[in-house]
């Protein structure tokens, strides 16, 4: 999730940007508990499932030095 937030930059990410079933808000909470500053803006949208969703943005300048748990 942190990698997704960093890659998204100021555009941010929403649950629609990730595969179905990914609990974005849970991962954001876990990152916040570890001291990562993440903003969340509520925005409305139309379409067949109109409503309100959050856009999450990492508000820190971070650099990934190593990624663990990825297959080669």
PDB file of N, CA and C in Angstrom:
ATOM      1  N   UNK A   1       0.826  -1.185   0.000  1.00  0.00           N
ATOM      2  CA  UNK A   1       0.000   0.000   0.000  1.00  0.00           C
ATOM      3  C   UNK A   1       0.875   1.254   0.000  1.00  0.00           C
ATOM      4  N   UNK A   2       1.942   1.204   0.780  1.00  0.00           N
ATOM      5  CA  UNK A   2       2.831   2.370   0.814  1.00  0.00           C
ATOM      6  C   UNK A   2       3.414   2.635  -0.568  1.00  0.00           C
ATOM      7  N   UNK A   3       3.825   1.585  -1.257  1.00  0.00           N
ATOM      8  CA  UNK A   3       4.359   1.744  -2.616  1.00  0.00           C
ATOM      9  C   UNK A   3       3.305   2.373  -3.522  1.00  0.00           C
ATOM     10  N   UNK A   4       2.050   1.945  -3.431  1.00  0.00           N
ATOM     11  CA  UNK A   4       0.973   2.509  -4.252  1.00  0.00           C
ATOM     12  C   UNK A   4       0.785   3.993  -3.953  1.00  0.00           C
ATOM     13  N   UNK A   5       0.821   4.358  -2.677  1.00  0.00           N
ATOM     14  CA  UNK A   5       0.667   5.760  -2.288  1.00  0.00           C
ATOM     15  C   UNK A   5       1.821   6.612  -2.814  1.00  0.00           C
ATOM     16  N   UNK A   6       3.028   6.102  -2.689  1.00  0.00           N
ATOM     17  CA  UNK A   6       4.191   6.840  -3.185  1.00  0.00           C
ATOM     18  C   UNK A   6       4.096   7.014  -4.691  1.00  0.00           C
ATOM     19  N   UNK A   7       3.777   5.935  -5.401  1.00  0.00           N
ATOM     20  CA  UNK A   7       3.681   5.998  -6.861  1.00  0.00           C
ATOM     21  C   UNK A   7       2.576   6.938  -7.331  1.00  0.00           C
ATOM     22  N   UNK A   8       1.471   7.016  -6.580  1.00  0.00           N
ATOM     23  CA  UNK A   8       0.338   7.858  -6.973  1.00  0.00           C
ATOM     24  C   UNK A   8       0.644   9.345  -6.799  1.00  0.00           C
ATOM     25  N   UNK A   9       1.543   9.681  -5.899  1.00  0.00           N
ATOM     26  CA  UNK A   9       1.893  11.079  -5.675  1.00  0.00           C
ATOM     27  C   UNK A   9       0.701  11.912  -5.235  1.00  0.00           C
ATOM     28  N   UNK A  10       0.632  13.141  -5.716  1.00  0.00           N
ATOM     29  CA  UNK A  10      -0.436  14.060  -5.309  1.00  0.00           C
ATOM     30  C   UNK A  10      -1.806  13.656  -5.858  1.00  0.00           C
ATOM     31  N   UNK A  11      -1.832  12.808  -6.883  1.00  0.00           N
ATOM     32  CA  UNK A  11      -3.110  12.307  -7.412  1.00  0.00           C
ATOM     33  C   UNK A  11      -3.833  11.480  -6.352  1.00  0.00           C
ATOM     34  N   UNK A  12      -3.073  10.697  -5.599  1.00  0.00           N
ATOM     35  CA  UNK A  12      -3.645   9.853  -4.566  1.00  0.00           C
ATOM     36  C   UNK A  12      -4.253   8.584  -5.130  1.00  0.00           C
ATOM     37  N   UNK A  13      -4.778   7.751  -4.234  1.00  0.00           N
ATOM     38  CA  UNK A  13      -5.423   6.509  -4.652  1.00  0.00           C
ATOM     39  C   UNK A  13      -6.785   6.373  -3.976  1.00  0.00           C
ATOM     40  N   UNK A  14      -7.634   5.586  -4.602  1.00  0.00           N
ATOM     41  CA  UNK A  14      -8.941   5.244  -4.048  1.00  0.00           C
ATOM     42  C   UNK A  14      -9.090   3.731  -4.116  1.00  0.00           C
ATOM     43  N   UNK A  15     -10.138   3.216  -3.532  1.00  0.00           N
ATOM     44  CA  UNK A  15     -10.375   1.774  -3.601  1.00  0.00           C
ATOM     45  C   UNK A  15     -10.595   1.328  -5.046  1.00  0.00           C
ATOM     46  N   UNK A  16     -11.059   2.223  -5.912  1.00  0.00           N
ATOM     47  CA  UNK A  16     -11.291   1.875  -7.317  1.00  0.00           C
ATOM     48  C   UNK A  16      -9.974   1.644  -8.068  1.00  0.00           C
ATOM     49  N   UNK A  17      -8.856   2.119  -7.530  1.00  0.00           N
ATOM     50  CA  UNK A  17      -7.557   1.964  -8.181  1.00  0.00           C
ATOM     51  C   UNK A  17      -6.916   0.600  -7.909  1.00  0.00           C
ATOM     52  N   UNK A  18      -7.488  -0.161  -6.996  1.00  0.00           N
ATOM     53  CA  UNK A  18      -6.888  -1.423  -6.573  1.00  0.00           C
ATOM     54  C   UNK A  18      -7.841  -2.590  -6.841  1.00  0.00           C
ATOM     55  N   UNK A  19      -7.318  -3.804  -6.832  1.00  0.00           N
ATOM     56  CA  UNK A  19      -8.191  -4.968  -7.071  1.00  0.00           C
ATOM     57  C   UNK A  19      -9.315  -5.056  -6.039  1.00  0.00           C
ATOM     58  N   UNK A  20     -10.428  -5.616  -6.467  1.00  0.00           N
ATOM     59  CA  UNK A  20     -11.582  -5.783  -5.565  1.00  0.00           C
ATOM     60  C   UNK A  20     -11.157  -6.568  -4.328  1.00  0.00           C
ATOM     61  N   UNK A  21     -11.663  -6.162  -3.206  1.00  0.00           N
ATOM     62  CA  UNK A  21     -11.388  -6.862  -1.960  1.00  0.00           C
ATOM     63  C   UNK A  21     -10.258  -6.276  -1.138  1.00  0.00           C
ATOM     64  N   UNK A  22      -9.450  -5.380  -1.713  1.00  0.00           N
ATOM     65  CA  UNK A  22      -8.365  -4.763  -0.957  1.00  0.00           C
ATOM     66  C   UNK A  22      -8.976  -3.737  -0.006  1.00  0.00           C
ATOM     67  N   UNK A  23      -8.705  -3.895   1.274  1.00  0.00           N
ATOM     68  CA  UNK A  23      -9.262  -2.999   2.284  1.00  0.00           C
ATOM     69  C   UNK A  23      -8.324  -1.809   2.482  1.00  0.00           C
ATOM     70  N   UNK A  24      -8.467  -0.836   1.603  1.00  0.00           N
ATOM     71  CA  UNK A  24      -7.566   0.320   1.581  1.00  0.00           C
ATOM     72  C   UNK A  24      -7.554   1.026   2.933  1.00  0.00           C
ATOM     73  N   UNK A  25      -8.717   1.280   3.498  1.00  0.00           N
ATOM     74  CA  UNK A  25      -8.773   2.026   4.759  1.00  0.00           C
ATOM     75  C   UNK A  25      -8.025   1.297   5.870  1.00  0.00           C
ATOM     76  N   UNK A  26      -8.059  -0.031   5.876  1.00  0.00           N
ATOM     77  CA  UNK A  26      -7.329  -0.802   6.894  1.00  0.00           C
ATOM     78  C   UNK A  26      -5.820  -0.616   6.731  1.00  0.00           C
ATOM     79  N   UNK A  27      -5.332  -0.724   5.498  1.00  0.00           N
ATOM     80  CA  UNK A  27      -3.904  -0.559   5.260  1.00  0.00           C
ATOM     81  C   UNK A  27      -3.462   0.870   5.558  1.00  0.00           C
ATOM     82  N   UNK A  28      -4.294   1.844   5.246  1.00  0.00           N
ATOM     83  CA  UNK A  28      -3.980   3.241   5.564  1.00  0.00           C
ATOM     84  C   UNK A  28      -3.873   3.403   7.083  1.00  0.00           C
ATOM     85  N   UNK A  29      -4.790   2.814   7.821  1.00  0.00           N
ATOM     86  CA  UNK A  29      -4.746   2.881   9.284  1.00  0.00           C
ATOM     87  C   UNK A  29      -3.453   2.265   9.814  1.00  0.00           C
ATOM     88  N   UNK A  30      -3.070   1.112   9.278  1.00  0.00           N
ATOM     89  CA  UNK A  30      -1.825   0.458   9.712  1.00  0.00           C
ATOM     90  C   UNK A  30      -0.609   1.338   9.451  1.00  0.00           C
ATOM     91  N   UNK A  31      -0.569   1.984   8.290  1.00  0.00           N
ATOM     92  CA  UNK A  31       0.544   2.877   7.972  1.00  0.00           C
ATOM     93  C   UNK A  31       0.544   4.103   8.880  1.00  0.00           C
ATOM     94  N   UNK A  32      -0.628   4.646   9.147  1.00  0.00           N
ATOM     95  CA  UNK A  32      -0.717   5.803  10.045  1.00  0.00           C
ATOM     96  C   UNK A  32      -0.213   5.440  11.441  1.00  0.00           C
ATOM     97  N   UNK A  33      -0.524   4.234  11.916  1.00  0.00           N
ATOM     98  CA  UNK A  33      -0.056   3.787  13.230  1.00  0.00           C
ATOM     99  C   UNK A  33       1.459   3.685  13.283  1.00  0.00           C
ATOM    100  N   UNK A  34       2.089   3.542  12.122  1.00  0.00           N
ATOM    101  CA  UNK A  34       3.548   3.462  12.050  1.00  0.00           C
ATOM    102  C   UNK A  34       4.187   4.829  11.790  1.00  0.00           C
ATOM    103  N   UNK A  35       3.372   5.887  11.827  1.00  0.00           N
ATOM    104  CA  UNK A  35       3.895   7.237  11.723  1.00  0.00           C
ATOM    105  C   UNK A  35       3.892   7.845  10.331  1.00  0.00           C
ATOM    106  N   UNK A  36       3.332   7.142   9.342  1.00  0.00           N
ATOM    107  CA  UNK A  36       3.256   7.682   7.991  1.00  0.00           C
ATOM    108  C   UNK A  36       2.083   8.664   7.936  1.00  0.00           C
ATOM    109  N   UNK A  37       2.328   9.861   7.443  1.00  0.00           N
ATOM    110  CA  UNK A  37       1.278  10.882   7.356  1.00  0.00           C
ATOM    111  C   UNK A  37       0.531  10.708   6.038  1.00  0.00           C
ATOM    112  N   UNK A  38      -0.741  10.358   6.149  1.00  0.00           N
ATOM    113  CA  UNK A  38      -1.595  10.118   4.983  1.00  0.00           C
ATOM    114  C   UNK A  38      -2.849  10.966   5.134  1.00  0.00           C
ATOM    115  N   UNK A  39      -3.108  11.791   4.121  1.00  0.00           N
ATOM    116  CA  UNK A  39      -4.337  12.593   4.142  1.00  0.00           C
ATOM    117  C   UNK A  39      -5.449  11.812   3.446  1.00  0.00           C
ATOM    118  N   UNK A  40      -6.674  12.156   3.769  1.00  0.00           N
ATOM    119  CA  UNK A  40      -7.818  11.544   3.097  1.00  0.00           C
ATOM    120  C   UNK A  40      -8.861  12.628   2.849  1.00  0.00           C
ATOM    121  N   UNK A  41      -9.205  12.783   1.585  1.00  0.00           N
ATOM    122  CA  UNK A  41     -10.230  13.746   1.186  1.00  0.00           C
ATOM    123  C   UNK A  41     -11.448  12.977   0.699  1.00  0.00           C
ATOM    124  N   UNK A  42     -12.613  13.386   1.136  1.00  0.00           N
ATOM    125  CA  UNK A  42     -13.863  12.745   0.705  1.00  0.00           C
ATOM    126  C   UNK A  42     -14.363  13.478  -0.534  1.00  0.00           C
ATOM    127  N   UNK A  43     -14.616  12.721  -1.599  1.00  0.00           N
ATOM    128  CA  UNK A  43     -15.096  13.304  -2.852  1.00  0.00           C
ATOM    129  C   UNK A  43     -16.312  12.520  -3.336  1.00  0.00           C
ATOM    130  N   UNK A  44     -17.228  13.228  -3.971  1.00  0.00           N
ATOM    131  CA  UNK A  44     -18.415  12.555  -4.511  1.00  0.00           C
ATOM    132  C   UNK A  44     -18.159  12.191  -5.964  1.00  0.00           C
ATOM    133  N   UNK A  45     -18.866  11.187  -6.431  1.00  0.00           N
ATOM    134  CA  UNK A  45     -18.725  10.734  -7.810  1.00  0.00           C
ATOM    135  C   UNK A  45     -20.052  10.206  -8.316  1.00  0.00           C
ATOM    136  N   UNK A  46     -20.224  10.260  -9.628  1.00  0.00           N
ATOM    137  CA  UNK A  46     -21.442   9.757 -10.258  1.00  0.00           C
ATOM    138  C   UNK A  46     -21.251   8.332 -10.736  1.00  0.00           C
ATOM    139  N   UNK A  47     -22.034   7.951 -11.727  1.00  0.00           N
ATOM    140  CA  UNK A  47     -21.934   6.612 -12.278  1.00  0.00           C
ATOM    141  C   UNK A  47     -22.970   5.679 -11.688  1.00  0.00           C
ATOM    142  N   UNK A  48     -22.920   4.422 -12.076  1.00  0.00           N
ATOM    143  CA  UNK A  48     -23.928   3.467 -11.617  1.00  0.00           C
ATOM    144  C   UNK A  48     -23.883   3.221 -10.111  1.00  0.00           C
ATOM    145  N   UNK A  49     -22.750   3.459  -9.473  1.00  0.00           N
ATOM    146  CA  UNK A  49     -22.633   3.292  -8.024  1.00  0.00           C
ATOM    147  C   UNK A  49     -22.234   4.626  -7.398  1.00  0.00           C
ATOM    148  N   UNK A  50     -23.002   5.653  -7.707  1.00  0.00           N
ATOM    149  CA  UNK A  50     -22.707   7.007  -7.237  1.00  0.00           C
ATOM    150  C   UNK A  50     -22.635   7.054  -5.718  1.00  0.00           C
ATOM    151  N   UNK A  51     -21.782   7.931  -5.221  1.00  0.00           N
ATOM    152  CA  UNK A  51     -21.654   8.081  -3.781  1.00  0.00           C
ATOM    153  C   UNK A  51     -20.461   8.939  -3.426  1.00  0.00           C
ATOM    154  N   UNK A  52     -19.883   8.648  -2.280  1.00  0.00           N
ATOM    155  CA  UNK A  52     -18.734   9.387  -1.776  1.00  0.00           C
ATOM    156  C   UNK A  52     -17.631   8.378  -1.461  1.00  0.00           C
ATOM    157  N   UNK A  53     -16.412   8.717  -1.820  1.00  0.00           N
ATOM    158  CA  UNK A  53     -15.283   7.862  -1.477  1.00  0.00           C
ATOM    159  C   UNK A  53     -14.104   8.731  -1.043  1.00  0.00           C
ATOM    160  N   UNK A  54     -13.105   8.096  -0.480  1.00  0.00           N
ATOM    161  CA  UNK A  54     -11.918   8.829  -0.028  1.00  0.00           C
ATOM    162  C   UNK A  54     -10.795   8.689  -1.034  1.00  0.00           C
ATOM    163  N   UNK A  55     -10.019   9.763  -1.143  1.00  0.00           N
ATOM    164  CA  UNK A  55      -8.784   9.758  -1.911  1.00  0.00           C
ATOM    165  C   UNK A  55      -7.663   9.896  -0.880  1.00  0.00           C
ATOM    166  N   UNK A  56      -6.769   8.913  -0.859  1.00  0.00           N
ATOM    167  CA  UNK A  56      -5.678   8.890   0.111  1.00  0.00           C
ATOM    168  C   UNK A  56      -4.384   9.344  -0.553  1.00  0.00           C
ATOM    169  N   UNK A  57      -3.623  10.196   0.178  1.00  0.00           N
ATOM    170  CA  UNK A  57      -2.346  10.704  -0.323  1.00  0.00           C
ATOM    171  C   UNK A  57      -1.302  10.629   0.779  1.00  0.00           C
ATOM    172  N   UNK A  58      -0.117  10.164   0.424  1.00  0.00           N
ATOM    173  CA  UNK A  58       1.003  10.190   1.360  1.00  0.00           C
ATOM    174  C   UNK A  58       1.526  11.620   1.385  1.00  0.00           C
ATOM    175  N   UNK A  59       1.618  12.212   2.568  1.00  0.00           N
ATOM    176  CA  UNK A  59       2.027  13.602   2.705  1.00  0.00           C
ATOM    177  C   UNK A  59       3.477  13.738   3.166  1.00  0.00           C
ATOM    178  N   UNK A  60       4.252  12.684   2.954  1.00  0.00           N
ATOM    179  CA  UNK A  60       5.653  12.707   3.333  1.00  0.00           C
ATOM    180  C   UNK A  60       6.500  12.423   2.093  1.00  0.00           C
ATOM    181  N   UNK A  61       7.704  12.970   2.053  1.00  0.00           N
ATOM    182  CA  UNK A  61       8.643  12.622   0.991  1.00  0.00           C
ATOM    183  C   UNK A  61       9.376  11.362   1.423  1.00  0.00           C
ATOM    184  N   UNK A  62       9.028  10.247   0.801  1.00  0.00           N
ATOM    185  CA  UNK A  62       9.614   8.963   1.166  1.00  0.00           C
ATOM    186  C   UNK A  62      10.324   8.350  -0.027  1.00  0.00           C
ATOM    187  N   UNK A  63      11.355   7.591   0.266  1.00  0.00           N
ATOM    188  CA  UNK A  63      12.075   6.843  -0.749  1.00  0.00           C
ATOM    189  C   UNK A  63      12.116   5.386  -0.322  1.00  0.00           C
ATOM    190  N   UNK A  64      11.769   4.488  -1.212  1.00  0.00           N
ATOM    191  CA  UNK A  64      11.817   3.065  -0.913  1.00  0.00           C
ATOM    192  C   UNK A  64      13.231   2.579  -1.176  1.00  0.00           C
ATOM    193  N   UNK A  65      13.862   2.028  -0.137  1.00  0.00           N
ATOM    194  CA  UNK A  65      15.220   1.523  -0.264  1.00  0.00           C
ATOM    195  C   UNK A  65      15.222   0.039  -0.621  1.00  0.00           C
ATOM    196  N   UNK A  66      14.227  -0.681  -0.116  1.00  0.00           N
ATOM    197  CA  UNK A  66      14.150  -2.113  -0.353  1.00  0.00           C
ATOM    198  C   UNK A  66      12.695  -2.547  -0.212  1.00  0.00           C
ATOM    199  N   UNK A  67      12.276  -3.450  -1.077  1.00  0.00           N
ATOM    200  CA  UNK A  67      10.922  -3.979  -0.977  1.00  0.00           C
ATOM    201  C   UNK A  67      11.004  -5.439  -0.573  1.00  0.00           C
ATOM    202  N   UNK A  68      10.372  -5.765   0.528  1.00  0.00           N
ATOM    203  CA  UNK A  68      10.380  -7.136   1.032  1.00  0.00           C
ATOM    204  C   UNK A  68       9.129  -7.868   0.572  1.00  0.00           C
ATOM    205  N   UNK A  69       9.241  -9.158   0.447  1.00  0.00           N
ATOM    206  CA  UNK A  69       8.082  -9.985   0.157  1.00  0.00           C
ATOM    207  C   UNK A  69       7.664 -10.027  -1.302  1.00  0.00           C
ATOM    208  N   UNK A  70       8.480  -9.528  -2.215  1.00  0.00           N
ATOM    209  CA  UNK A  70       8.143  -9.570  -3.629  1.00  0.00           C
ATOM    210  C   UNK A  70       8.887 -10.706  -4.316  1.00  0.00           C
ATOM    211  N   UNK A  71       8.181 -11.430  -5.159  1.00  0.00           N
ATOM    212  CA  UNK A  71       8.814 -12.517  -5.913  1.00  0.00           C
ATOM    213  C   UNK A  71       9.718 -11.928  -6.985  1.00  0.00           C
ATOM    214  N   UNK A  72      10.810 -12.587  -7.238  1.00  0.00           N
ATOM    215  CA  UNK A  72      11.765 -12.115  -8.257  1.00  0.00           C
ATOM    216  C   UNK A  72      11.258 -12.366  -9.658  1.00  0.00           C
TER     217      UNK A  72
END
